[in-house]
């Protein structure tokens, strides 16, 4: 039977520690051995499957654990090690499997627009160039961190015709673009995308100009979370010092301005045309099927 992450964790008694109290008589009967949780009749458990206080006259308040907690699984360690090894193998071949699909999505003479800095997108474009595909790349600089500058430099050194533009010029240049490549921080259960801050603007401009948006993401970025919080989903706010210097806060006008500097953007699934992963290309509407294959239902249903 397929094990869920939750059942594997609760089946392992060693992950719970009990508070130990040495009694005056020197008796350590209140110290519960980990294997005593393997059966309901083990020492230290009362009839309600709850730990007792040994010789203490005041019993400990009942603690109820899931039924799987009391089931001893000899194959637990092996199952966890196999899952870890599978994840390591997937990570080693991640970029190779994605790059093999480059010639299917990038064609000669195309103008590709991408946003900020992404190792996955960078290697994807270089793989297409290595196949003798001649194309141009437009890189949005990705203010306020300006990762697009490093991205453009790396692509130019690889012999790719690259142009850097201001983020504000994205909508103006979009009419000349054939395809948009976006990096991914996480792919949500509804097919939405968590991407670097500013990516939502790029996706909206592409939608307005009917330009396809392709996202590159490894399957390890598939997340069983739904965007119930909108733009706040899996997001963080960082210091606004990269947007406005603190020395300007003495200005009476700027002192009344609220600066918001988010790390990521949430892009709804209707703005994404295709996800290119290490196991193939999928539309956002198919993500829920991938959840069933990569997550046990006990793990991802809790996020709904």
Protein backbone atom coordinates (compact mmCIF):
# COMPACT_ATOMS: atom_id res chain seq x y z
CA UNK A 1 0.00 0.00 0.00
CA UNK A 2 1.30 3.47 -0.86
CA UNK A 3 2.36 5.38 2.21
CA UNK A 4 1.59 9.05 2.71
CA UNK A 5 4.10 11.40 4.29
CA UNK A 6 1.80 11.91 7.25
CA UNK A 7 1.39 8.19 7.91
CA UNK A 8 5.15 7.60 7.65
CA UNK A 9 5.90 10.31 10.18
CA UNK A 10 3.27 9.20 12.66
CA UNK A 11 4.37 5.59 12.31
CA UNK A 12 7.83 6.49 13.56
CA UNK A 13 7.72 6.62 17.39
CA UNK A 14 11.22 8.08 17.71
CA UNK A 15 10.11 11.54 16.55
CA UNK A 16 8.23 12.21 19.82
CA UNK A 17 10.11 12.85 23.05
CA UNK A 18 8.57 12.73 26.49
CA UNK A 19 9.54 14.93 29.40
CA UNK A 20 11.58 12.86 31.86
CA UNK A 21 11.35 13.41 35.61
CA UNK A 22 13.58 11.51 37.99
CA UNK A 23 11.74 10.42 41.09
CA UNK A 24 13.27 10.50 44.56
CA UNK A 25 13.23 6.72 44.76
CA UNK A 26 15.48 6.50 41.71
CA UNK A 27 12.79 4.76 39.70
CA UNK A 28 12.88 5.54 35.99
CA UNK A 29 9.67 3.76 35.13
CA UNK A 30 8.19 7.04 33.89
CA UNK A 31 10.82 7.17 31.15
CA UNK A 32 9.01 5.67 28.19
CA UNK A 33 11.10 3.69 25.74
CA UNK A 34 10.38 4.43 22.11
CA UNK A 35 9.46 0.83 21.38
CA UNK A 36 6.82 0.92 24.11
CA UNK A 37 4.61 2.82 21.67
CA UNK A 38 4.67 -0.10 19.27
CA UNK A 39 1.66 -1.77 20.88
CA UNK A 40 -1.21 -0.69 23.04
CA UNK A 41 -0.23 -3.09 25.80
CA UNK A 42 3.33 -1.75 26.14
CA UNK A 43 4.60 -0.37 29.45
CA UNK A 44 3.82 3.27 30.06
CA UNK A 45 0.42 3.16 28.31
CA UNK A 46 -2.86 3.04 30.09
CA UNK A 47 -6.04 1.53 28.74
CA UNK A 48 -6.76 4.63 26.69
CA UNK A 49 -3.46 4.39 24.79
CA UNK A 50 -2.18 7.32 26.81
CA UNK A 51 1.08 7.55 28.76
CA UNK A 52 0.79 7.27 32.54
CA UNK A 53 2.92 8.97 35.15
CA UNK A 54 4.54 5.83 36.57
CA UNK A 55 4.47 5.93 40.37
CA UNK A 56 3.05 9.45 40.47
CA UNK A 57 -0.37 9.68 42.07
CA UNK A 58 -1.43 12.38 39.57
CA UNK A 59 -1.79 10.91 36.09
CA UNK A 60 -0.73 12.88 33.06
CA UNK A 61 -3.56 14.37 31.04
CA UNK A 62 -4.59 12.02 28.21
CA UNK A 63 -2.73 12.54 24.96
CA UNK A 64 -4.35 11.07 21.90
CA UNK A 65 -2.29 10.24 18.84
CA UNK A 66 -3.51 9.03 15.43
CA UNK A 67 -3.98 5.24 15.19
CA UNK A 68 -0.99 4.92 12.86
CA UNK A 69 1.22 6.15 15.70
CA UNK A 70 0.84 2.86 17.52
CA UNK A 71 1.47 0.68 14.48
CA UNK A 72 5.04 -0.55 14.27
CA UNK A 73 6.34 -0.47 10.69
CA UNK A 74 9.59 -2.28 10.06
CA UNK A 75 9.68 -1.00 6.47
CA UNK A 76 9.42 2.67 7.42
CA UNK A 77 13.13 3.46 7.21
CA UNK A 78 13.43 1.69 3.85
CA UNK A 79 10.43 3.59 2.45
CA UNK A 80 11.85 6.94 3.54
CA UNK A 81 15.29 6.14 2.10
CA UNK A 82 13.76 5.12 -1.23
CA UNK A 83 11.79 8.37 -1.38
CA UNK A 84 14.92 10.41 -0.66
CA UNK A 85 16.94 8.54 -3.27
CA UNK A 86 14.21 9.07 -5.86
CA UNK A 87 14.18 12.79 -5.13
CA UNK A 88 17.98 13.01 -5.42
CA UNK A 89 17.96 11.22 -8.77
CA UNK A 90 15.24 13.54 -10.06
CA UNK A 91 17.19 16.63 -9.01
CA UNK A 92 20.38 15.40 -10.71
CA UNK A 93 18.67 14.98 -14.08
CA UNK A 94 16.30 17.94 -13.72
CA UNK A 95 17.91 20.48 -16.05
CA UNK A 96 18.98 17.84 -18.53
CA UNK A 97 15.41 16.60 -19.01
CA UNK A 98 14.03 20.12 -19.33
CA UNK A 99 16.75 21.24 -21.76
CA UNK A 100 16.04 18.31 -24.07
CA UNK A 101 12.67 19.93 -24.84
CA UNK A 102 14.20 23.30 -25.81
CA UNK A 103 14.11 22.71 -29.58
CA UNK A 104 10.41 21.86 -29.35
CA UNK A 105 9.53 25.28 -27.95
CA UNK A 106 12.12 27.67 -29.39
CA UNK A 107 12.25 28.08 -33.15
CA UNK A 108 14.52 29.94 -35.53
CA UNK A 109 13.92 33.67 -35.84
CA UNK A 110 11.79 33.95 -32.70
CA UNK A 111 12.00 36.74 -30.13
CA UNK A 112 11.85 35.34 -26.60
CA UNK A 113 11.12 37.53 -23.58
CA UNK A 114 12.07 36.46 -20.08
CA UNK A 115 12.08 38.12 -16.69
CA UNK A 116 14.92 38.61 -14.19
CA UNK A 117 17.41 35.87 -13.35
CA UNK A 118 16.65 32.15 -13.50
CA UNK A 119 19.17 29.33 -13.81
CA UNK A 120 16.55 27.04 -15.35
CA UNK A 121 15.55 29.55 -18.03
CA UNK A 122 19.19 30.42 -18.69
CA UNK A 123 20.19 26.79 -19.31
CA UNK A 124 17.06 26.23 -21.40
CA UNK A 125 17.95 29.11 -23.74
CA UNK A 126 21.58 28.02 -23.95
CA UNK A 127 20.48 24.48 -24.83
CA UNK A 128 18.39 25.85 -27.70
CA UNK A 129 21.32 27.95 -28.93
CA UNK A 130 23.57 24.89 -28.80
CA UNK A 131 21.20 23.21 -31.28
CA UNK A 132 22.03 25.98 -33.79
CA UNK A 133 18.74 27.78 -33.29
CA UNK A 134 19.09 31.50 -34.07
CA UNK A 135 16.79 33.62 -31.93
CA UNK A 136 16.76 36.83 -29.93
CA UNK A 137 16.19 37.21 -26.21
CA UNK A 138 14.75 40.25 -24.44
CA UNK A 139 15.41 40.29 -20.69
CA UNK A 140 13.43 42.46 -18.27
CA UNK A 141 15.88 43.76 -15.70
CA UNK A 142 13.78 42.66 -12.71
CA UNK A 143 13.95 45.73 -10.49
CA UNK A 144 14.72 46.35 -7.68
CA UNK A 145 17.19 43.45 -7.55
CA UNK A 146 18.13 43.71 -11.27
CA UNK A 147 18.80 40.02 -11.75
CA UNK A 148 18.11 40.50 -15.43
CA UNK A 149 21.47 42.22 -15.87
CA UNK A 150 23.37 39.10 -14.79
CA UNK A 151 21.03 36.98 -16.91
CA UNK A 152 21.65 39.05 -20.03
CA UNK A 153 25.41 39.03 -19.51
CA UNK A 154 25.49 35.24 -19.23
CA UNK A 155 23.36 34.77 -22.36
CA UNK A 156 25.43 37.27 -24.35
CA UNK A 157 28.63 35.46 -23.41
CA UNK A 158 27.05 32.29 -24.82
CA UNK A 159 26.61 34.01 -28.19
CA UNK A 160 22.88 34.70 -27.89
CA UNK A 161 21.55 38.02 -29.22
CA UNK A 162 20.32 39.61 -25.97
CA UNK A 163 18.71 42.93 -25.10
CA UNK A 164 17.96 44.29 -21.61
CA UNK A 165 14.90 46.51 -21.12
CA UNK A 166 13.33 48.37 -18.22
CA UNK A 167 10.41 46.59 -16.60
CA UNK A 168 8.19 49.55 -17.51
CA UNK A 169 8.87 48.91 -21.21
CA UNK A 170 7.46 45.38 -21.11
CA UNK A 171 4.03 46.24 -22.48
CA UNK A 172 5.49 48.39 -25.26
CA UNK A 173 7.83 45.65 -26.49
CA UNK A 174 5.36 42.77 -26.08
CA UNK A 175 3.85 43.23 -29.56
CA UNK A 176 7.18 42.15 -31.08
CA UNK A 177 7.60 39.08 -28.85
CA UNK A 178 6.78 35.53 -29.99
CA UNK A 179 6.96 33.77 -26.64
CA UNK A 180 7.44 34.53 -22.93
CA UNK A 181 9.52 32.26 -20.69
CA UNK A 182 8.96 32.64 -16.96
CA UNK A 183 10.75 30.98 -14.03
CA UNK A 184 8.83 29.34 -11.19
CA UNK A 185 9.14 29.50 -7.44
CA UNK A 186 6.19 27.14 -6.96
CA UNK A 187 3.34 25.67 -9.01
CA UNK A 188 0.09 25.64 -7.04
CA UNK A 189 -2.62 23.00 -7.05
CA UNK A 190 -5.00 25.06 -9.20
CA UNK A 191 -2.37 25.52 -11.92
CA UNK A 192 -1.38 28.99 -10.72
CA UNK A 193 2.23 30.12 -10.52
CA UNK A 194 4.34 31.73 -7.83
CA UNK A 195 7.08 33.64 -9.65
CA UNK A 196 9.50 36.52 -8.95
CA UNK A 197 7.88 39.85 -8.18
CA UNK A 198 6.99 41.62 -11.41
CA UNK A 199 6.19 38.45 -13.36
CA UNK A 200 2.44 39.06 -13.08
CA UNK A 201 2.89 42.31 -15.01
CA UNK A 202 4.68 40.40 -17.77
CA UNK A 203 1.96 37.74 -17.91
CA UNK A 204 -0.79 40.38 -18.12
CA UNK A 205 1.00 42.16 -20.97
CA UNK A 206 1.42 38.85 -22.80
CA UNK A 207 -2.26 38.02 -22.36
CA UNK A 208 -3.26 41.41 -23.77
CA UNK A 209 -1.11 40.81 -26.86
CA UNK A 210 -2.00 37.11 -27.23
CA UNK A 211 1.59 36.02 -26.64
CA UNK A 212 1.96 32.49 -25.21
CA UNK A 213 3.46 32.24 -21.72
CA UNK A 214 5.59 29.18 -21.01
CA UNK A 215 6.84 28.38 -17.52
CA UNK A 216 9.87 26.19 -16.81
CA UNK A 217 9.63 24.25 -13.56
CA UNK A 218 10.86 21.00 -12.09
CA UNK A 219 8.26 18.68 -10.63
CA UNK A 220 9.72 19.24 -7.16
CA UNK A 221 8.16 22.73 -7.31
CA UNK A 222 4.65 21.29 -7.49
CA UNK A 223 2.87 22.48 -4.34
CA UNK A 224 -0.45 21.10 -2.98
CA UNK A 225 -1.54 24.56 -1.84
CA UNK A 226 -4.41 26.61 -3.20
CA UNK A 227 -4.15 30.41 -3.56
CA UNK A 228 -6.76 31.24 -0.94
CA UNK A 229 -4.79 34.36 -0.01
CA UNK A 230 -4.39 35.70 -3.54
CA UNK A 231 -1.17 37.65 -3.99
CA UNK A 232 -0.21 36.89 -0.38
CA UNK A 233 0.05 33.14 -1.09
CA UNK A 234 3.58 31.89 -0.31
CA UNK A 235 4.73 35.51 -0.36
CA UNK A 236 6.98 37.60 1.83
CA UNK A 237 7.54 41.32 2.21
CA UNK A 238 11.15 42.43 2.49
CA UNK A 239 12.80 45.71 3.40
CA UNK A 240 11.82 48.62 1.13
CA UNK A 241 15.39 49.92 1.28
CA UNK A 242 16.02 48.52 -2.20
CA UNK A 243 13.13 50.65 -3.50
CA UNK A 244 13.68 53.88 -1.55
CA UNK A 245 16.68 54.90 0.53
CA UNK A 246 16.01 55.46 4.21
CA UNK A 247 17.62 58.91 4.00
CA UNK A 248 14.64 60.05 1.90
CA UNK A 249 12.20 59.31 4.68
CA UNK A 250 12.81 62.77 6.13
CA UNK A 251 10.87 64.23 3.23
CA UNK A 252 7.37 65.17 4.47
CA UNK A 253 5.76 63.75 1.32
CA UNK A 254 7.63 60.43 1.18
CA UNK A 255 7.13 59.90 4.90
CA UNK A 256 3.41 59.44 4.16
CA UNK A 257 4.04 56.88 1.41
CA UNK A 258 3.68 53.17 2.18
CA UNK A 259 6.33 51.13 0.36
CA UNK A 260 5.51 47.49 -0.36
CA UNK A 261 8.33 45.27 -1.61
CA UNK A 262 7.05 41.70 -2.19
CA UNK A 263 9.36 38.85 -3.10
CA UNK A 264 6.95 36.97 -5.37
CA UNK A 265 3.87 37.39 -7.55
CA UNK A 266 0.92 35.04 -7.89
CA UNK A 267 -0.05 34.46 -11.52
CA UNK A 268 -3.49 32.85 -12.05
CA UNK A 269 -3.67 29.77 -14.31
CA UNK A 270 -5.58 31.57 -17.07
CA UNK A 271 -2.45 33.63 -17.77
CA UNK A 272 -0.24 30.54 -18.22
CA UNK A 273 -0.35 28.54 -21.45
CA UNK A 274 2.10 25.73 -20.74
CA UNK A 275 4.30 24.26 -18.02
CA UNK A 276 7.49 22.62 -19.27
CA UNK A 277 8.71 20.19 -16.62
CA UNK A 278 11.33 17.48 -16.41
CA UNK A 279 8.69 14.88 -17.34
CA UNK A 280 7.08 16.79 -20.21
CA UNK A 281 4.79 19.70 -21.00
CA UNK A 282 1.41 20.19 -19.30
CA UNK A 283 -1.37 22.71 -19.35
CA UNK A 284 -2.36 24.34 -16.05
CA UNK A 285 -5.64 22.40 -16.03
CA UNK A 286 -3.68 19.13 -15.77
CA UNK A 287 -1.79 20.06 -12.60
CA UNK A 288 -4.43 18.49 -10.34
CA UNK A 289 -3.77 15.13 -12.00
CA UNK A 290 -0.06 15.46 -11.29
CA UNK A 291 -0.89 16.10 -7.64
CA UNK A 292 -2.55 12.69 -7.43
CA UNK A 293 0.59 11.08 -8.87
CA UNK A 294 3.18 12.92 -6.79
CA UNK A 295 1.32 13.39 -3.49
CA UNK A 296 -0.68 10.99 -1.39
CA UNK A 297 -4.24 12.23 -0.91
CA UNK A 298 -3.70 12.42 2.87
CA UNK A 299 -0.95 14.98 2.28
CA UNK A 300 -2.47 17.42 -0.19
CA UNK A 301 -6.16 17.35 0.72
CA UNK A 302 -5.31 19.17 3.95
CA UNK A 303 -4.28 22.22 1.91
CA UNK A 304 -7.65 22.64 0.19
